[in-house]
Amino acid sequence: MRTVLTKSLQIRGFIQREFASQRDRFYNEASEWLARGQLRYREDIVDGLENAPEAFIGLLQGRNFGKLVIRVASDAA
């Protein structure tokens, strides 16, 4: 939050459908950014459906970083 204040940044919420006309362009550009490593994301992966309740509680308490994923089966590929 300090960075937001010291750099006079603005935070603005939005509804995705407001930008529906730009969706395809975004998907194309974001895919390229991901491929080049210019856009990064974080996932918290928890193995096993039996661990989902604890993971969900952690999500509500802010203990995770990025997207929370409950892996219920390994990749069969």
PDB file of N, CA and C in Angstrom:
ATOM      1  N   MET A   1       0.824  -1.180   0.000  1.00  0.00           N
ATOM      2  CA  MET A   1       0.000   0.000   0.000  1.00  0.00           C
ATOM      3  C   MET A   1       0.873   1.251   0.000  1.00  0.00           C
ATOM      4  N   ARG A   2       2.010   1.173   0.649  1.00  0.00           N
ATOM      5  CA  ARG A   2       2.906   2.325   0.677  1.00  0.00           C
ATOM      6  C   ARG A   2       3.315   2.726  -0.741  1.00  0.00           C
ATOM      7  N   THR A   3       3.617   1.727  -1.575  1.00  0.00           N
ATOM      8  CA  THR A   3       3.998   2.021  -2.954  1.00  0.00           C
ATOM      9  C   THR A   3       2.869   2.730  -3.691  1.00  0.00           C
ATOM     10  N   VAL A   4       1.646   2.302  -3.451  1.00  0.00           N
ATOM     11  CA  VAL A   4       0.497   2.946  -4.090  1.00  0.00           C
ATOM     12  C   VAL A   4       0.452   4.416  -3.717  1.00  0.00           C
ATOM     13  N   LEU A   5       0.674   4.706  -2.453  1.00  0.00           N
ATOM     14  CA  LEU A   5       0.612   6.089  -1.992  1.00  0.00           C
ATOM     15  C   LEU A   5       1.798   6.915  -2.467  1.00  0.00           C
ATOM     16  N   THR A   6       3.004   6.381  -2.320  1.00  0.00           N
ATOM     17  CA  THR A   6       4.187   7.178  -2.658  1.00  0.00           C
ATOM     18  C   THR A   6       4.338   7.415  -4.156  1.00  0.00           C
ATOM     19  N   LYS A   7       3.772   6.537  -4.966  1.00  0.00           N
ATOM     20  CA  LYS A   7       3.853   6.715  -6.416  1.00  0.00           C
ATOM     21  C   LYS A   7       2.570   7.309  -6.986  1.00  0.00           C
ATOM     22  N   SER A   8       1.648   7.688  -6.101  1.00  0.00           N
ATOM     23  CA  SER A   8       0.364   8.271  -6.524  1.00  0.00           C
ATOM     24  C   SER A   8      -0.372   7.380  -7.520  1.00  0.00           C
ATOM     25  N   LEU A   9      -0.306   6.073  -7.286  1.00  0.00           N
ATOM     26  CA  LEU A   9      -0.997   5.142  -8.173  1.00  0.00           C
ATOM     27  C   LEU A   9      -2.491   5.176  -7.896  1.00  0.00           C
ATOM     28  N   GLN A  10      -3.250   4.813  -8.896  1.00  0.00           N
ATOM     29  CA  GLN A  10      -4.691   4.721  -8.742  1.00  0.00           C
ATOM     30  C   GLN A  10      -5.107   3.277  -8.932  1.00  0.00           C
ATOM     31  N   ILE A  11      -5.999   2.820  -8.106  1.00  0.00           N
ATOM     32  CA  ILE A  11      -6.551   1.477  -8.224  1.00  0.00           C
ATOM     33  C   ILE A  11      -8.006   1.639  -8.627  1.00  0.00           C
ATOM     34  N   ARG A  12      -8.376   0.970  -9.712  1.00  0.00           N
ATOM     35  CA  ARG A  12      -9.737   1.099 -10.209  1.00  0.00           C
ATOM     36  C   ARG A  12     -10.290  -0.285 -10.490  1.00  0.00           C
ATOM     37  N   GLY A  13     -11.412  -0.579  -9.902  1.00  0.00           N
ATOM     38  CA  GLY A  13     -12.086  -1.837 -10.192  1.00  0.00           C
ATOM     39  C   GLY A  13     -12.765  -1.756 -11.554  1.00  0.00           C
ATOM     40  N   PHE A  14     -13.056  -2.904 -12.133  1.00  0.00           N
ATOM     41  CA  PHE A  14     -13.760  -2.912 -13.412  1.00  0.00           C
ATOM     42  C   PHE A  14     -14.513  -4.219 -13.558  1.00  0.00           C
ATOM     43  N   ILE A  15     -15.464  -4.200 -14.441  1.00  0.00           N
ATOM     44  CA  ILE A  15     -16.227  -5.390 -14.793  1.00  0.00           C
ATOM     45  C   ILE A  15     -15.714  -5.839 -16.158  1.00  0.00           C
ATOM     46  N   GLN A  16     -15.388  -7.103 -16.277  1.00  0.00           N
ATOM     47  CA  GLN A  16     -14.760  -7.613 -17.491  1.00  0.00           C
ATOM     48  C   GLN A  16     -15.574  -7.281 -18.733  1.00  0.00           C
ATOM     49  N   ARG A  17     -16.877  -7.348 -18.661  1.00  0.00           N
ATOM     50  CA  ARG A  17     -17.679  -7.118 -19.867  1.00  0.00           C
ATOM     51  C   ARG A  17     -17.555  -5.688 -20.403  1.00  0.00           C
ATOM     52  N   GLU A  18     -17.070  -4.764 -19.562  1.00  0.00           N
ATOM     53  CA  GLU A  18     -16.833  -3.403 -20.042  1.00  0.00           C
ATOM     54  C   GLU A  18     -15.767  -3.388 -21.138  1.00  0.00           C
ATOM     55  N   PHE A  19     -14.916  -4.404 -21.143  1.00  0.00           N
ATOM     56  CA  PHE A  19     -13.802  -4.467 -22.087  1.00  0.00           C
ATOM     57  C   PHE A  19     -13.913  -5.680 -23.012  1.00  0.00           C
ATOM     58  N   ALA A  20     -15.122  -6.180 -23.196  1.00  0.00           N
ATOM     59  CA  ALA A  20     -15.327  -7.382 -24.011  1.00  0.00           C
ATOM     60  C   ALA A  20     -14.793  -7.209 -25.428  1.00  0.00           C
ATOM     61  N   SER A  21     -14.871  -6.019 -25.957  1.00  0.00           N
ATOM     62  CA  SER A  21     -14.398  -5.787 -27.328  1.00  0.00           C
ATOM     63  C   SER A  21     -12.881  -5.943 -27.449  1.00  0.00           C
ATOM     64  N   GLN A  22     -12.170  -5.897 -26.335  1.00  0.00           N
ATOM     65  CA  GLN A  22     -10.709  -6.002 -26.353  1.00  0.00           C
ATOM     66  C   GLN A  22     -10.211  -7.372 -25.901  1.00  0.00           C
ATOM     67  N   ARG A  23     -11.151  -8.296 -25.621  1.00  0.00           N
ATOM     68  CA  ARG A  23     -10.797  -9.595 -25.060  1.00  0.00           C
ATOM     69  C   ARG A  23      -9.832 -10.382 -25.945  1.00  0.00           C
ATOM     70  N   ASP A  24     -10.151 -10.518 -27.232  1.00  0.00           N
ATOM     71  CA  ASP A  24      -9.299 -11.319 -28.118  1.00  0.00           C
ATOM     72  C   ASP A  24      -7.889 -10.744 -28.207  1.00  0.00           C
ATOM     73  N   ARG A  25      -7.791  -9.444 -28.314  1.00  0.00           N
ATOM     74  CA  ARG A  25      -6.472  -8.794 -28.359  1.00  0.00           C
ATOM     75  C   ARG A  25      -5.700  -9.080 -27.077  1.00  0.00           C
ATOM     76  N   PHE A  26      -6.389  -8.979 -25.937  1.00  0.00           N
ATOM     77  CA  PHE A  26      -5.721  -9.248 -24.668  1.00  0.00           C
ATOM     78  C   PHE A  26      -5.209 -10.686 -24.606  1.00  0.00           C
ATOM     79  N   TYR A  27      -6.052 -11.657 -24.978  1.00  0.00           N
ATOM     80  CA  TYR A  27      -5.625 -13.059 -24.926  1.00  0.00           C
ATOM     81  C   TYR A  27      -4.387 -13.289 -25.785  1.00  0.00           C
ATOM     82  N   ASN A  28      -4.371 -12.691 -26.963  1.00  0.00           N
ATOM     83  CA  ASN A  28      -3.203 -12.845 -27.842  1.00  0.00           C
ATOM     84  C   ASN A  28      -1.954 -12.222 -27.226  1.00  0.00           C
ATOM     85  N   GLU A  29      -2.078 -10.995 -26.732  1.00  0.00           N
ATOM     86  CA  GLU A  29      -0.917 -10.317 -26.152  1.00  0.00           C
ATOM     87  C   GLU A  29      -0.459 -10.994 -24.862  1.00  0.00           C
ATOM     88  N   ALA A  30      -1.389 -11.356 -23.997  1.00  0.00           N
ATOM     89  CA  ALA A  30      -1.021 -11.981 -22.723  1.00  0.00           C
ATOM     90  C   ALA A  30      -0.356 -13.334 -22.955  1.00  0.00           C
ATOM     91  N   SER A  31      -0.819 -14.079 -23.952  1.00  0.00           N
ATOM     92  CA  SER A  31      -0.186 -15.363 -24.274  1.00  0.00           C
ATOM     93  C   SER A  31       1.270 -15.166 -24.671  1.00  0.00           C
ATOM     94  N   GLU A  32       1.521 -14.132 -25.458  1.00  0.00           N
ATOM     95  CA  GLU A  32       2.902 -13.828 -25.853  1.00  0.00           C
ATOM     96  C   GLU A  32       3.733 -13.415 -24.645  1.00  0.00           C
ATOM     97  N   TRP A  33       3.167 -12.599 -23.776  1.00  0.00           N
ATOM     98  CA  TRP A  33       3.895 -12.160 -22.574  1.00  0.00           C
ATOM     99  C   TRP A  33       4.251 -13.359 -21.701  1.00  0.00           C
ATOM    100  N   LEU A  34       3.307 -14.295 -21.538  1.00  0.00           N
ATOM    101  CA  LEU A  34       3.585 -15.499 -20.749  1.00  0.00           C
ATOM    102  C   LEU A  34       4.708 -16.311 -21.379  1.00  0.00           C
ATOM    103  N   ALA A  35       4.646 -16.498 -22.681  1.00  0.00           N
ATOM    104  CA  ALA A  35       5.655 -17.292 -23.388  1.00  0.00           C
ATOM    105  C   ALA A  35       7.044 -16.679 -23.258  1.00  0.00           C
ATOM    106  N   ARG A  36       7.127 -15.348 -23.243  1.00  0.00           N
ATOM    107  CA  ARG A  36       8.418 -14.662 -23.131  1.00  0.00           C
ATOM    108  C   ARG A  36       8.849 -14.457 -21.682  1.00  0.00           C
ATOM    109  N   GLY A  37       8.001 -14.834 -20.727  1.00  0.00           N
ATOM    110  CA  GLY A  37       8.341 -14.650 -19.318  1.00  0.00           C
ATOM    111  C   GLY A  37       8.149 -13.227 -18.826  1.00  0.00           C
ATOM    112  N   GLN A  38       7.446 -12.406 -19.594  1.00  0.00           N
ATOM    113  CA  GLN A  38       7.209 -11.019 -19.197  1.00  0.00           C
ATOM    114  C   GLN A  38       6.015 -10.887 -18.260  1.00  0.00           C
ATOM    115  N   LEU A  39       5.186 -11.897 -18.222  1.00  0.00           N
ATOM    116  CA  LEU A  39       4.023 -11.919 -17.343  1.00  0.00           C
ATOM    117  C   LEU A  39       4.121 -13.186 -16.512  1.00  0.00           C
ATOM    118  N   ARG A  40       4.126 -13.029 -15.230  1.00  0.00           N
ATOM    119  CA  ARG A  40       4.262 -14.178 -14.341  1.00  0.00           C
ATOM    120  C   ARG A  40       3.064 -14.239 -13.407  1.00  0.00           C
ATOM    121  N   TYR A  41       2.764 -15.416 -12.952  1.00  0.00           N
ATOM    122  CA  TYR A  41       1.670 -15.596 -12.014  1.00  0.00           C
ATOM    123  C   TYR A  41       2.098 -16.596 -10.955  1.00  0.00           C
ATOM    124  N   ARG A  42       1.365 -16.595  -9.869  1.00  0.00           N
ATOM    125  CA  ARG A  42       1.681 -17.511  -8.779  1.00  0.00           C
ATOM    126  C   ARG A  42       0.483 -18.407  -8.521  1.00  0.00           C
ATOM    127  N   GLU A  43       0.787 -19.640  -8.207  1.00  0.00           N
ATOM    128  CA  GLU A  43      -0.245 -20.601  -7.836  1.00  0.00           C
ATOM    129  C   GLU A  43       0.162 -21.258  -6.528  1.00  0.00           C
ATOM    130  N   ASP A  44      -0.802 -21.484  -5.685  1.00  0.00           N
ATOM    131  CA  ASP A  44      -0.622 -22.338  -4.517  1.00  0.00           C
ATOM    132  C   ASP A  44      -1.349 -23.632  -4.835  1.00  0.00           C
ATOM    133  N   ILE A  45      -0.610 -24.728  -4.917  1.00  0.00           N
ATOM    134  CA  ILE A  45      -1.205 -26.014  -5.266  1.00  0.00           C
ATOM    135  C   ILE A  45      -1.231 -26.886  -4.020  1.00  0.00           C
ATOM    136  N   VAL A  46      -2.423 -27.359  -3.690  1.00  0.00           N
ATOM    137  CA  VAL A  46      -2.619 -28.238  -2.544  1.00  0.00           C
ATOM    138  C   VAL A  46      -3.058 -29.588  -3.096  1.00  0.00           C
ATOM    139  N   ASP A  47      -2.370 -30.647  -2.699  1.00  0.00           N
ATOM    140  CA  ASP A  47      -2.700 -31.983  -3.190  1.00  0.00           C
ATOM    141  C   ASP A  47      -3.754 -32.643  -2.322  1.00  0.00           C
ATOM    142  N   GLY A  48      -4.756 -33.219  -2.984  1.00  0.00           N
ATOM    143  CA  GLY A  48      -5.752 -34.022  -2.299  1.00  0.00           C
ATOM    144  C   GLY A  48      -7.004 -33.272  -1.891  1.00  0.00           C
ATOM    145  N   LEU A  49      -8.135 -33.837  -2.267  1.00  0.00           N
ATOM    146  CA  LEU A  49      -9.422 -33.245  -1.915  1.00  0.00           C
ATOM    147  C   LEU A  49      -9.608 -33.196  -0.403  1.00  0.00           C
ATOM    148  N   GLU A  50      -8.982 -34.114   0.300  1.00  0.00           N
ATOM    149  CA  GLU A  50      -9.089 -34.124   1.768  1.00  0.00           C
ATOM    150  C   GLU A  50      -8.460 -32.883   2.399  1.00  0.00           C
ATOM    151  N   ASN A  51      -7.579 -32.218   1.681  1.00  0.00           N
ATOM    152  CA  ASN A  51      -6.942 -31.001   2.186  1.00  0.00           C
ATOM    153  C   ASN A  51      -7.648 -29.718   1.746  1.00  0.00           C
ATOM    154  N   ALA A  52      -8.733 -29.864   0.983  1.00  0.00           N
ATOM    155  CA  ALA A  52      -9.454 -28.696   0.471  1.00  0.00           C
ATOM    156  C   ALA A  52     -10.029 -27.809   1.574  1.00  0.00           C
ATOM    157  N   PRO A  53     -10.655 -28.372   2.623  1.00  0.00           N
ATOM    158  CA  PRO A  53     -11.210 -27.479   3.650  1.00  0.00           C
ATOM    159  C   PRO A  53     -10.150 -26.577   4.295  1.00  0.00           C
ATOM    160  N   GLU A  54      -9.012 -27.146   4.641  1.00  0.00           N
ATOM    161  CA  GLU A  54      -7.944 -26.346   5.253  1.00  0.00           C
ATOM    162  C   GLU A  54      -7.406 -25.308   4.263  1.00  0.00           C
ATOM    163  N   ALA A  55      -7.283 -25.704   3.008  1.00  0.00           N
ATOM    164  CA  ALA A  55      -6.805 -24.767   1.989  1.00  0.00           C
ATOM    165  C   ALA A  55      -7.793 -23.615   1.808  1.00  0.00           C
ATOM    166  N   PHE A  56      -9.086 -23.922   1.821  1.00  0.00           N
ATOM    167  CA  PHE A  56     -10.103 -22.885   1.661  1.00  0.00           C
ATOM    168  C   PHE A  56     -10.083 -21.921   2.840  1.00  0.00           C
ATOM    169  N   ILE A  57      -9.918 -22.459   4.035  1.00  0.00           N
ATOM    170  CA  ILE A  57      -9.813 -21.590   5.216  1.00  0.00           C
ATOM    171  C   ILE A  57      -8.587 -20.688   5.083  1.00  0.00           C
ATOM    172  N   GLY A  58      -7.475 -21.253   4.639  1.00  0.00           N
ATOM    173  CA  GLY A  58      -6.275 -20.447   4.418  1.00  0.00           C
ATOM    174  C   GLY A  58      -6.502 -19.357   3.390  1.00  0.00           C
ATOM    175  N   LEU A  59      -7.272 -19.677   2.349  1.00  0.00           N
ATOM    176  CA  LEU A  59      -7.606 -18.681   1.330  1.00  0.00           C
ATOM    177  C   LEU A  59      -8.372 -17.521   1.959  1.00  0.00           C
ATOM    178  N   LEU A  60      -9.359 -17.846   2.781  1.00  0.00           N
ATOM    179  CA  LEU A  60     -10.161 -16.805   3.426  1.00  0.00           C
ATOM    180  C   LEU A  60      -9.345 -15.982   4.416  1.00  0.00           C
ATOM    181  N   GLN A  61      -8.305 -16.595   4.972  1.00  0.00           N
ATOM    182  CA  GLN A  61      -7.465 -15.888   5.945  1.00  0.00           C
ATOM    183  C   GLN A  61      -6.268 -15.199   5.288  1.00  0.00           C
ATOM    184  N   GLY A  62      -6.159 -15.291   3.977  1.00  0.00           N
ATOM    185  CA  GLY A  62      -5.085 -14.603   3.268  1.00  0.00           C
ATOM    186  C   GLY A  62      -3.735 -15.280   3.355  1.00  0.00           C
ATOM    187  N   ARG A  63      -3.703 -16.588   3.592  1.00  0.00           N
ATOM    188  CA  ARG A  63      -2.426 -17.292   3.715  1.00  0.00           C
ATOM    189  C   ARG A  63      -1.853 -17.748   2.381  1.00  0.00           C
ATOM    190  N   ASN A  64      -2.620 -17.660   1.314  1.00  0.00           N
ATOM    191  CA  ASN A  64      -2.114 -18.124   0.021  1.00  0.00           C
ATOM    192  C   ASN A  64      -1.597 -16.949  -0.799  1.00  0.00           C
ATOM    193  N   PHE A  65      -0.840 -17.276  -1.837  1.00  0.00           N
ATOM    194  CA  PHE A  65      -0.354 -16.292  -2.800  1.00  0.00           C
ATOM    195  C   PHE A  65      -0.847 -16.736  -4.168  1.00  0.00           C
ATOM    196  N   GLY A  66      -1.470 -15.855  -4.890  1.00  0.00           N
ATOM    197  CA  GLY A  66      -1.935 -16.190  -6.231  1.00  0.00           C
ATOM    198  C   GLY A  66      -3.157 -17.075  -6.213  1.00  0.00           C
ATOM    199  N   LYS A  67      -3.312 -17.834  -7.270  1.00  0.00           N
ATOM    200  CA  LYS A  67      -4.476 -18.698  -7.436  1.00  0.00           C
ATOM    201  C   LYS A  67      -4.305 -19.953  -6.593  1.00  0.00           C
ATOM    202  N   LEU A  68      -5.354 -20.326  -5.878  1.00  0.00           N
ATOM    203  CA  LEU A  68      -5.337 -21.552  -5.085  1.00  0.00           C
ATOM    204  C   LEU A  68      -5.908 -22.681  -5.929  1.00  0.00           C
ATOM    205  N   VAL A  69      -5.144 -23.753  -6.074  1.00  0.00           N
ATOM    206  CA  VAL A  69      -5.555 -24.902  -6.868  1.00  0.00           C
ATOM    207  C   VAL A  69      -5.547 -26.131  -5.973  1.00  0.00           C
ATOM    208  N   ILE A  70      -6.656 -26.875  -5.981  1.00  0.00           N
ATOM    209  CA  ILE A  70      -6.717 -28.154  -5.275  1.00  0.00           C
ATOM    210  C   ILE A  70      -6.541 -29.237  -6.335  1.00  0.00           C
ATOM    211  N   ARG A  71      -5.427 -29.957  -6.254  1.00  0.00           N
ATOM    212  CA  ARG A  71      -5.159 -31.021  -7.230  1.00  0.00           C
ATOM    213  C   ARG A  71      -5.743 -32.317  -6.678  1.00  0.00           C
ATOM    214  N   VAL A  72      -6.713 -32.872  -7.428  1.00  0.00           N
ATOM    215  CA  VAL A  72      -7.378 -34.083  -6.952  1.00  0.00           C
ATOM    216  C   VAL A  72      -6.881 -35.329  -7.665  1.00  0.00           C
ATOM    217  N   ALA A  73      -6.138 -35.169  -8.757  1.00  0.00           N
ATOM    218  CA  ALA A  73      -5.563 -36.305  -9.467  1.00  0.00           C
ATOM    219  C   ALA A  73      -4.306 -35.831 -10.184  1.00  0.00           C
ATOM    220  N   SER A  74      -3.374 -36.735 -10.353  1.00  0.00           N
ATOM    221  CA  SER A  74      -2.167 -36.368 -11.096  1.00  0.00           C
ATOM    222  C   SER A  74      -2.488 -36.350 -12.586  1.00  0.00           C
ATOM    223  N   ASP A  75      -1.680 -35.658 -13.351  1.00  0.00           N
ATOM    224  CA  ASP A  75      -1.877 -35.610 -14.805  1.00  0.00           C
ATOM    225  C   ASP A  75      -1.655 -36.994 -15.385  1.00  0.00           C
ATOM    226  N   ALA A  76      -2.571 -37.428 -16.209  1.00  0.00           N
ATOM    227  CA  ALA A  76      -2.459 -38.740 -16.837  1.00  0.00           C
ATOM    228  C   ALA A  76      -1.716 -38.673 -18.167  1.00  0.00           C
ATOM    229  N   ALA A  77      -1.301 -37.500 -18.553  1.00  0.00           N
ATOM    230  CA  ALA A  77      -0.662 -37.332 -19.871  1.00  0.00           C
ATOM    231  C   ALA A  77       0.730 -37.823 -19.894  1.00  0.00           C
TER     232      ALA A  77
END
